[in-house]
PDB file of all heavy atoms in Angstrom:
ATOM      1  N   ASN A   1      -5.332 -13.010  -4.364  1.00  0.00           N
ATOM      2  CA  ASN A   1      -6.712 -13.036  -4.879  1.00  0.00           C
ATOM      3  C   ASN A   1      -7.676 -13.712  -3.956  1.00  0.00           C
ATOM      4  O   ASN A   1      -8.828 -13.252  -3.823  1.00  0.00           O
ATOM      5  CB  ASN A   1      -6.756 -13.642  -6.242  1.00  0.00           C
ATOM      6  CG  ASN A   1      -5.897 -12.827  -7.326  1.00  0.00           C
ATOM      7  OD1 ASN A   1      -5.617 -11.664  -7.092  1.00  0.00           O
ATOM      8  ND2 ASN A   1      -5.590 -13.483  -8.429  1.00  0.00           N
ATOM      9  N   ALA A   2      -7.236 -14.772  -3.325  1.00  0.00           N
ATOM     10  CA  ALA A   2      -8.141 -15.527  -2.449  1.00  0.00           C
ATOM     11  C   ALA A   2      -8.594 -14.712  -1.274  1.00  0.00           C
ATOM     12  O   ALA A   2      -9.731 -14.838  -0.809  1.00  0.00           O
ATOM     13  CB  ALA A   2      -7.459 -16.782  -1.976  1.00  0.00           C
ATOM     14  N   LYS A   3      -7.677 -13.848  -0.786  1.00  0.00           N
ATOM     15  CA  LYS A   3      -7.997 -12.969   0.353  1.00  0.00           C
ATOM     16  C   LYS A   3      -8.475 -11.604  -0.095  1.00  0.00           C
ATOM     17  O   LYS A   3      -8.857 -10.792   0.760  1.00  0.00           O
ATOM     18  CB  LYS A   3      -6.777 -12.828   1.260  1.00  0.00           C
ATOM     19  CG  LYS A   3      -6.363 -14.135   1.925  1.00  0.00           C
ATOM     20  CD  LYS A   3      -5.144 -13.910   2.840  1.00  0.00           C
ATOM     21  CE  LYS A   3      -4.757 -15.239   3.483  1.00  0.00           C
ATOM     22  NZ  LYS A   3      -3.601 -15.032   4.415  1.00  0.00           N
ATOM     23  N   ASN A   4      -8.517 -11.340  -1.404  1.00  0.00           N
ATOM     24  CA  ASN A   4      -8.924 -10.091  -1.923  1.00  0.00           C
ATOM     25  C   ASN A   4      -8.186  -8.967  -1.250  1.00  0.00           C
ATOM     26  O   ASN A   4      -8.764  -7.902  -0.867  1.00  0.00           O
ATOM     27  CB  ASN A   4     -10.420  -9.851  -1.786  1.00  0.00           C
ATOM     28  CG  ASN A   4     -10.956  -8.987  -2.848  1.00  0.00           C
ATOM     29  OD1 ASN A   4     -10.507  -8.916  -3.990  1.00  0.00           O
ATOM     30  ND2 ASN A   4     -12.023  -8.221  -2.552  1.00  0.00           N
ATOM     31  N   THR A   5      -6.885  -9.087  -1.163  1.00  0.00           N
ATOM     32  CA  THR A   5      -6.037  -8.193  -0.371  1.00  0.00           C
ATOM     33  C   THR A   5      -4.778  -7.878  -1.145  1.00  0.00           C
ATOM     34  O   THR A   5      -4.235  -8.713  -1.885  1.00  0.00           O
ATOM     35  CB  THR A   5      -5.646  -8.778   0.980  1.00  0.00           C
ATOM     36  OG1 THR A   5      -6.861  -9.013   1.741  1.00  0.00           O
ATOM     37  CG2 THR A   5      -4.713  -7.864   1.751  1.00  0.00           C
ATOM     38  N   VAL A   6      -4.392  -6.571  -1.122  1.00  0.00           N
ATOM     39  CA  VAL A   6      -3.157  -6.104  -1.705  1.00  0.00           C
ATOM     40  C   VAL A   6      -2.127  -5.815  -0.582  1.00  0.00           C
ATOM     41  O   VAL A   6      -2.532  -5.286   0.474  1.00  0.00           O
ATOM     42  CB  VAL A   6      -3.413  -4.835  -2.566  1.00  0.00           C
ATOM     43  CG1 VAL A   6      -2.110  -4.332  -3.143  1.00  0.00           C
ATOM     44  CG2 VAL A   6      -4.386  -5.187  -3.667  1.00  0.00           C
ATOM     45  N   TYR A   7      -0.899  -6.116  -0.848  1.00  0.00           N
ATOM     46  CA  TYR A   7       0.151  -5.919   0.225  1.00  0.00           C
ATOM     47  C   TYR A   7       1.207  -5.017  -0.290  1.00  0.00           C
ATOM     48  O   TYR A   7       1.467  -4.866  -1.483  1.00  0.00           O
ATOM     49  CB  TYR A   7       0.773  -7.289   0.572  1.00  0.00           C
ATOM     50  CG  TYR A   7      -0.176  -8.328   1.093  1.00  0.00           C
ATOM     51  CD1 TYR A   7      -0.610  -9.298   0.242  1.00  0.00           C
ATOM     52  CD2 TYR A   7      -0.585  -8.300   2.426  1.00  0.00           C
ATOM     53  CE1 TYR A   7      -1.513 -10.259   0.713  1.00  0.00           C
ATOM     54  CE2 TYR A   7      -1.473  -9.233   2.891  1.00  0.00           C
ATOM     55  CZ  TYR A   7      -1.965 -10.212   2.013  1.00  0.00           C
ATOM     56  OH  TYR A   7      -2.882 -11.138   2.499  1.00  0.00           O
ATOM     57  N   LEU A   8       1.929  -4.407   0.637  1.00  0.00           N
ATOM     58  CA  LEU A   8       3.122  -3.630   0.359  1.00  0.00           C
ATOM     59  C   LEU A   8       4.147  -4.056   1.375  1.00  0.00           C
ATOM     60  O   LEU A   8       4.072  -3.671   2.577  1.00  0.00           O
ATOM     61  CB  LEU A   8       2.847  -2.126   0.451  1.00  0.00           C
ATOM     62  CG  LEU A   8       4.043  -1.241   0.034  1.00  0.00           C
ATOM     63  CD1 LEU A   8       4.313  -1.383  -1.484  1.00  0.00           C
ATOM     64  CD2 LEU A   8       3.794   0.227   0.434  1.00  0.00           C
ATOM     65  N   GLN A   9       5.125  -4.829   0.909  1.00  0.00           N
ATOM     66  CA  GLN A   9       6.243  -5.251   1.724  1.00  0.00           C
ATOM     67  C   GLN A   9       7.317  -4.190   1.658  1.00  0.00           C
ATOM     68  O   GLN A   9       7.771  -3.868   0.560  1.00  0.00           O
ATOM     69  CB  GLN A   9       6.821  -6.615   1.307  1.00  0.00           C
ATOM     70  CG  GLN A   9       7.986  -7.084   2.038  1.00  0.00           C
ATOM     71  CD  GLN A   9       7.653  -7.452   3.520  1.00  0.00           C
ATOM     72  OE1 GLN A   9       6.650  -8.134   3.776  1.00  0.00           O
ATOM     73  NE2 GLN A   9       8.406  -6.920   4.406  1.00  0.00           N
ATOM     74  N   MET A  10       7.688  -3.605   2.782  1.00  0.00           N
ATOM     75  CA  MET A  10       8.639  -2.528   2.845  1.00  0.00           C
ATOM     76  C   MET A  10       9.864  -2.989   3.665  1.00  0.00           C
ATOM     77  O   MET A  10       9.706  -3.428   4.808  1.00  0.00           O
ATOM     78  CB  MET A  10       7.992  -1.323   3.473  1.00  0.00           C
ATOM     79  CG  MET A  10       6.692  -0.913   2.853  1.00  0.00           C
ATOM     80  SD  MET A  10       6.017   0.647   3.520  1.00  0.00           S
ATOM     81  CE  MET A  10       5.710   0.197   5.196  1.00  0.00           C
ATOM     82  N   SER A  11      10.987  -2.884   3.064  1.00  0.00           N
ATOM     83  CA  SER A  11      12.208  -3.275   3.669  1.00  0.00           C
ATOM     84  C   SER A  11      13.246  -2.164   3.659  1.00  0.00           C
ATOM     85  O   SER A  11      13.060  -1.205   2.920  1.00  0.00           O
ATOM     86  CB  SER A  11      12.844  -4.493   3.021  1.00  0.00           C
ATOM     87  OG  SER A  11      11.914  -5.566   3.010  1.00  0.00           O
ATOM     88  N   SER A  12      14.295  -2.258   4.401  1.00  0.00           N
ATOM     89  CA  SER A  12      15.353  -1.178   4.499  1.00  0.00           C
ATOM     90  C   SER A  12      14.734   0.146   4.642  1.00  0.00           C
ATOM     91  O   SER A  12      15.091   1.100   3.891  1.00  0.00           O
ATOM     92  CB  SER A  12      16.207  -1.266   3.255  1.00  0.00           C
ATOM     93  OG  SER A  12      16.811  -2.542   3.078  1.00  0.00           O
ATOM     94  N   LEU A  13      13.814   0.274   5.539  1.00  0.00           N
ATOM     95  CA  LEU A  13      13.031   1.519   5.732  1.00  0.00           C
ATOM     96  C   LEU A  13      13.932   2.687   6.132  1.00  0.00           C
ATOM     97  O   LEU A  13      14.928   2.490   6.883  1.00  0.00           O
ATOM     98  CB  LEU A  13      11.908   1.319   6.699  1.00  0.00           C
ATOM     99  CG  LEU A  13      10.701   0.596   6.155  1.00  0.00           C
ATOM    100  CD1 LEU A  13       9.810   0.031   7.240  1.00  0.00           C
ATOM    101  CD2 LEU A  13       9.917   1.494   5.241  1.00  0.00           C
ATOM    102  N   LYS A  14      13.602   3.864   5.667  1.00  0.00           N
ATOM    103  CA  LYS A  14      14.337   5.062   5.932  1.00  0.00           C
ATOM    104  C   LYS A  14      13.422   6.094   6.613  1.00  0.00           C
ATOM    105  O   LYS A  14      12.161   5.985   6.426  1.00  0.00           O
ATOM    106  CB  LYS A  14      14.884   5.666   4.648  1.00  0.00           C
ATOM    107  CG  LYS A  14      15.737   4.724   3.844  1.00  0.00           C
ATOM    108  CD  LYS A  14      16.079   5.373   2.474  1.00  0.00           C
ATOM    109  CE  LYS A  14      16.929   4.436   1.661  1.00  0.00           C
ATOM    110  NZ  LYS A  14      17.370   5.062   0.348  1.00  0.00           N
ATOM    111  N   PRO A  15      13.959   7.034   7.340  1.00  0.00           N
ATOM    112  CA  PRO A  15      13.103   8.037   7.957  1.00  0.00           C
ATOM    113  C   PRO A  15      12.197   8.765   6.945  1.00  0.00           C
ATOM    114  O   PRO A  15      11.092   9.154   7.274  1.00  0.00           O
ATOM    115  CB  PRO A  15      14.108   8.976   8.647  1.00  0.00           C
ATOM    116  CG  PRO A  15      15.195   8.101   8.998  1.00  0.00           C
ATOM    117  CD  PRO A  15      15.335   7.132   7.843  1.00  0.00           C
ATOM    118  N   GLU A  16      12.721   8.932   5.766  1.00  0.00           N
ATOM    119  CA  GLU A  16      11.909   9.665   4.757  1.00  0.00           C
ATOM    120  C   GLU A  16      10.759   8.831   4.208  1.00  0.00           C
ATOM    121  O   GLU A  16       9.971   9.326   3.463  1.00  0.00           O
ATOM    122  CB  GLU A  16      12.830  10.126   3.554  1.00  0.00           C
ATOM    123  CG  GLU A  16      13.711   9.034   2.996  1.00  0.00           C
ATOM    124  CD  GLU A  16      15.114   9.071   3.577  1.00  0.00           C
ATOM    125  OE1 GLU A  16      15.270   9.217   4.798  1.00  0.00           O
ATOM    126  OE2 GLU A  16      16.055   8.889   2.760  1.00  0.00           O
ATOM    127  N   ASP A  17      10.668   7.554   4.615  1.00  0.00           N
ATOM    128  CA  ASP A  17       9.501   6.802   4.253  1.00  0.00           C
ATOM    129  C   ASP A  17       8.280   7.013   5.214  1.00  0.00           C
ATOM    130  O   ASP A  17       7.233   6.428   5.043  1.00  0.00           O
ATOM    131  CB  ASP A  17       9.826   5.254   4.340  1.00  0.00           C
ATOM    132  CG  ASP A  17      10.853   4.820   3.279  1.00  0.00           C
ATOM    133  OD1 ASP A  17      10.707   5.349   2.113  1.00  0.00           O
ATOM    134  OD2 ASP A  17      11.717   4.054   3.595  1.00  0.00           O
ATOM    135  N   THR A  18       8.553   7.837   6.220  1.00  0.00           N
ATOM    136  CA  THR A  18       7.474   8.119   7.208  1.00  0.00           C
ATOM    137  C   THR A  18       6.315   8.863   6.498  1.00  0.00           C
ATOM    138  O   THR A  18       6.499   9.694   5.685  1.00  0.00           O
ATOM    139  CB  THR A  18       8.025   9.000   8.289  1.00  0.00           C
ATOM    140  OG1 THR A  18       8.985   8.258   9.078  1.00  0.00           O
ATOM    141  CG2 THR A  18       6.924   9.536   9.200  1.00  0.00           C
ATOM    142  N   GLY A  19       5.085   8.401   6.879  1.00  0.00           N
ATOM    143  CA  GLY A  19       3.879   9.046   6.347  1.00  0.00           C
ATOM    144  C   GLY A  19       2.647   8.130   6.529  1.00  0.00           C
ATOM    145  O   GLY A  19       2.801   7.028   7.119  1.00  0.00           O
ATOM    146  N   VAL A  20       1.532   8.639   6.021  1.00  0.00           N
ATOM    147  CA  VAL A  20       0.361   7.824   6.036  1.00  0.00           C
ATOM    148  C   VAL A  20       0.254   7.113   4.650  1.00  0.00           C
ATOM    149  O   VAL A  20       0.354   7.779   3.646  1.00  0.00           O
ATOM    150  CB  VAL A  20      -0.922   8.701   6.237  1.00  0.00           C
ATOM    151  CG1 VAL A  20      -2.145   7.866   6.148  1.00  0.00           C
ATOM    152  CG2 VAL A  20      -0.857   9.374   7.600  1.00  0.00           C
ATOM    153  N   TYR A  21       0.142   5.825   4.699  1.00  0.00           N
ATOM    154  CA  TYR A  21       0.052   5.032   3.494  1.00  0.00           C
ATOM    155  C   TYR A  21      -1.360   4.690   3.154  1.00  0.00           C
ATOM    156  O   TYR A  21      -2.093   4.203   4.083  1.00  0.00           O
ATOM    157  CB  TYR A  21       0.919   3.763   3.687  1.00  0.00           C
ATOM    158  CG  TYR A  21       2.399   4.056   3.531  1.00  0.00           C
ATOM    159  CD1 TYR A  21       3.056   4.768   4.494  1.00  0.00           C
ATOM    160  CD2 TYR A  21       3.112   3.673   2.364  1.00  0.00           C
ATOM    161  CE1 TYR A  21       4.434   5.070   4.395  1.00  0.00           C
ATOM    162  CE2 TYR A  21       4.435   3.942   2.322  1.00  0.00           C
ATOM    163  CZ  TYR A  21       5.105   4.638   3.238  1.00  0.00           C
ATOM    164  OH  TYR A  21       6.443   4.893   3.146  1.00  0.00           O
ATOM    165  N   LEU A  22      -1.774   4.988   1.913  1.00  0.00           N
ATOM    166  CA  LEU A  22      -3.173   4.857   1.589  1.00  0.00           C
ATOM    167  C   LEU A  22      -3.316   3.930   0.360  1.00  0.00           C
ATOM    168  O   LEU A  22      -2.468   3.973  -0.576  1.00  0.00           O
ATOM    169  CB  LEU A  22      -3.784   6.214   1.215  1.00  0.00           C
ATOM    170  CG  LEU A  22      -3.658   7.279   2.324  1.00  0.00           C
ATOM    171  CD1 LEU A  22      -2.750   8.392   1.909  1.00  0.00           C
ATOM    172  CD2 LEU A  22      -5.086   7.803   2.604  1.00  0.00           C
ATOM    173  N   CYS A  23      -4.351   3.137   0.422  1.00  0.00           N
ATOM    174  CA  CYS A  23      -4.656   2.236  -0.720  1.00  0.00           C
ATOM    175  C   CYS A  23      -5.676   2.939  -1.604  1.00  0.00           C
ATOM    176  O   CYS A  23      -6.632   3.626  -1.117  1.00  0.00           O
ATOM    177  CB  CYS A  23      -5.274   0.950  -0.133  1.00  0.00           C
ATOM    178  SG  CYS A  23      -5.531  -0.374  -1.327  1.00  0.00           S
ATOM    179  N   TYR A  24      -5.545   2.790  -2.988  1.00  0.00           N
ATOM    180  CA  TYR A  24      -6.383   3.503  -3.865  1.00  0.00           C
ATOM    181  C   TYR A  24      -6.732   2.562  -5.036  1.00  0.00           C
ATOM    182  O   TYR A  24      -5.983   1.722  -5.503  1.00  0.00           O
ATOM    183  CB  TYR A  24      -5.653   4.734  -4.438  1.00  0.00           C
ATOM    184  CG  TYR A  24      -6.332   5.257  -5.650  1.00  0.00           C
ATOM    185  CD1 TYR A  24      -7.391   6.202  -5.553  1.00  0.00           C
ATOM    186  CD2 TYR A  24      -5.886   4.971  -6.941  1.00  0.00           C
ATOM    187  CE1 TYR A  24      -8.013   6.744  -6.629  1.00  0.00           C
ATOM    188  CE2 TYR A  24      -6.565   5.502  -8.073  1.00  0.00           C
ATOM    189  CZ  TYR A  24      -7.595   6.426  -7.902  1.00  0.00           C
ATOM    190  OH  TYR A  24      -8.167   6.954  -9.019  1.00  0.00           O
ATOM    191  N   ALA A  25      -8.008   2.704  -5.489  1.00  0.00           N
ATOM    192  CA  ALA A  25      -8.477   2.081  -6.735  1.00  0.00           C
ATOM    193  C   ALA A  25      -9.470   2.979  -7.377  1.00  0.00           C
ATOM    194  O   ALA A  25     -10.270   3.670  -6.670  1.00  0.00           O
ATOM    195  CB  ALA A  25      -9.090   0.663  -6.400  1.00  0.00           C
ATOM    196  N   ARG A  26      -9.465   2.966  -8.734  1.00  0.00           N
ATOM    197  CA  ARG A  26     -10.494   3.667  -9.475  1.00  0.00           C
ATOM    198  C   ARG A  26     -11.500   2.629  -9.925  1.00  0.00           C
ATOM    199  O   ARG A  26     -11.148   1.685 -10.660  1.00  0.00           O
ATOM    200  CB  ARG A  26      -9.892   4.411 -10.601  1.00  0.00           C
ATOM    201  CG  ARG A  26     -10.918   5.347 -11.323  1.00  0.00           C
ATOM    202  CD  ARG A  26     -10.280   6.358 -12.158  1.00  0.00           C
ATOM    203  NE  ARG A  26     -11.217   7.215 -12.847  1.00  0.00           N
ATOM    204  CZ  ARG A  26     -11.747   8.304 -12.326  1.00  0.00           C
ATOM    205  NH1 ARG A  26     -11.492   8.646 -11.092  1.00  0.00           N
ATOM    206  NH2 ARG A  26     -12.611   9.032 -13.044  1.00  0.00           N
ATOM    207  N   VAL A  27     -12.728   2.774  -9.428  1.00  0.00           N
ATOM    208  CA  VAL A  27     -13.815   1.767  -9.681  1.00  0.00           C
ATOM    209  C   VAL A  27     -14.901   2.412 -10.412  1.00  0.00           C
ATOM    210  O   VAL A  27     -15.561   3.348  -9.759  1.00  0.00           O
ATOM    211  CB  VAL A  27     -14.204   1.120  -8.370  1.00  0.00           C
ATOM    212  CG1 VAL A  27     -15.282   0.068  -8.618  1.00  0.00           C
ATOM    213  CG2 VAL A  27     -13.007   0.583  -7.607  1.00  0.00           C
ATOM    214  N   LEU A  28     -15.264   1.991 -11.601  1.00  0.00           N
ATOM    215  CA  LEU A  28     -16.378   2.503 -12.370  1.00  0.00           C
ATOM    216  C   LEU A  28     -16.345   4.027 -12.455  1.00  0.00           C
ATOM    217  O   LEU A  28     -17.404   4.683 -12.276  1.00  0.00           O
ATOM    218  CB  LEU A  28     -17.718   1.985 -11.761  1.00  0.00           C
ATOM    219  CG  LEU A  28     -17.903   0.493 -11.725  1.00  0.00           C
ATOM    220  CD1 LEU A  28     -19.199   0.081 -11.053  1.00  0.00           C
ATOM    221  CD2 LEU A  28     -17.852  -0.040 -13.182  1.00  0.00           C
ATOM    222  N   GLY A  29     -15.184   4.553 -12.662  1.00  0.00           N
ATOM    223  CA  GLY A  29     -15.019   5.983 -12.807  1.00  0.00           C
ATOM    224  C   GLY A  29     -14.964   6.787 -11.478  1.00  0.00           C
ATOM    225  O   GLY A  29     -14.902   7.996 -11.541  1.00  0.00           O
TER     226      GLY A  29
END
């Protein structure tokens, strides 16, 4: 909250995890 940041810690990665990772929020509709 202090950094106003969301994280995604990813471990034991697999080739099928390959892709573009996008952050999303619905704000005021």
